[in-house]
Amino acid sequence: LSEEKLTLPETLHQFGMALVMNIGGASGPLYGSLFIGMGKVTVTDSIRLSDLANMMLHGVNEVKK
């Protein structure tokens, strides 16, 4: 990993991609989709509880796809 700081959306996306690429079976794509979906709706590093709920909703919807 590089030493550059990632934003929260970038971190969620990279973490999700790492899960998809490195965990076998259905688990990697399912958990990876959750985090990638959460990153898609995260616009800042500072989040409120309502933002977290929205992130989870979008993440779960990505898993359902």
Protein backbone atom coordinates (compact mmCIF):
# COMPACT_ATOMS: atom_id res chain seq x y z
CA LEU A 1 0.00 0.00 0.00
CA SER A 2 1.11 3.50 -0.68
CA GLU A 3 1.44 6.08 2.06
CA GLU A 4 -1.05 8.47 0.49
CA LYS A 5 -4.19 9.18 2.48
CA LEU A 6 -7.37 7.89 0.96
CA THR A 7 -10.78 9.44 1.41
CA LEU A 8 -13.50 7.36 3.03
CA PRO A 9 -15.19 6.64 -0.33
CA GLU A 10 -11.85 5.56 -1.83
CA THR A 11 -11.09 3.39 1.18
CA LEU A 12 -14.47 1.66 1.02
CA HIS A 13 -14.05 1.03 -2.70
CA GLN A 14 -10.51 -0.34 -2.38
CA PHE A 15 -11.47 -2.52 0.57
CA GLY A 16 -14.44 -3.88 -1.36
CA MET A 17 -12.26 -4.62 -4.39
CA ALA A 18 -9.71 -6.38 -2.18
CA LEU A 19 -12.47 -8.60 -0.79
CA VAL A 20 -13.79 -9.40 -4.27
CA MET A 21 -10.34 -10.26 -5.60
CA ASN A 22 -8.98 -12.22 -2.62
CA ILE A 23 -11.79 -14.11 -0.94
CA GLY A 24 -13.05 -17.18 -2.70
CA GLY A 25 -16.54 -18.50 -3.14
CA ALA A 26 -19.53 -16.22 -2.82
CA SER A 27 -18.27 -14.40 0.28
CA GLY A 28 -15.77 -12.13 -1.45
CA PRO A 29 -18.17 -10.75 -4.05
CA LEU A 30 -20.98 -10.39 -1.52
CA TYR A 31 -18.98 -8.55 1.14
CA GLY A 32 -17.08 -6.65 -1.52
CA SER A 33 -20.31 -5.45 -3.12
CA LEU A 34 -21.50 -4.20 0.26
CA PHE A 35 -18.45 -1.99 0.78
CA ILE A 36 -18.28 -0.83 -2.84
CA GLY A 37 -21.95 0.14 -2.67
CA MET A 38 -21.37 2.02 0.56
CA GLY A 39 -18.51 3.92 -1.04
CA LYS A 40 -20.67 4.99 -3.99
CA VAL A 41 -22.92 7.14 -1.79
CA THR A 42 -20.26 8.39 0.62
CA VAL A 43 -19.24 11.90 -0.34
CA THR A 44 -17.15 13.01 2.63
CA ASP A 45 -14.98 11.68 5.42
CA SER A 46 -17.29 13.21 8.02
CA ILE A 47 -20.49 11.18 8.36
CA ARG A 48 -23.53 11.33 10.62
CA LEU A 49 -25.63 8.41 11.77
CA SER A 50 -28.16 9.12 9.01
CA ASP A 51 -25.33 8.99 6.46
CA LEU A 52 -24.25 5.61 7.80
CA ALA A 53 -27.81 4.31 7.47
CA ASN A 54 -27.91 5.51 3.85
CA MET A 55 -24.53 3.91 3.16
CA MET A 56 -25.73 0.58 4.57
CA LEU A 57 -28.95 0.74 2.56
CA HIS A 58 -27.04 1.26 -0.68
CA GLY A 59 -24.51 -1.40 0.22
CA VAL A 60 -27.24 -3.97 0.88
CA ASN A 61 -28.93 -3.03 -2.39
CA GLU A 62 -25.66 -3.73 -4.23
CA VAL A 63 -25.49 -7.16 -2.59
CA LYS A 64 -29.09 -7.86 -3.68
CA LYS A 65 -28.18 -7.10 -7.30
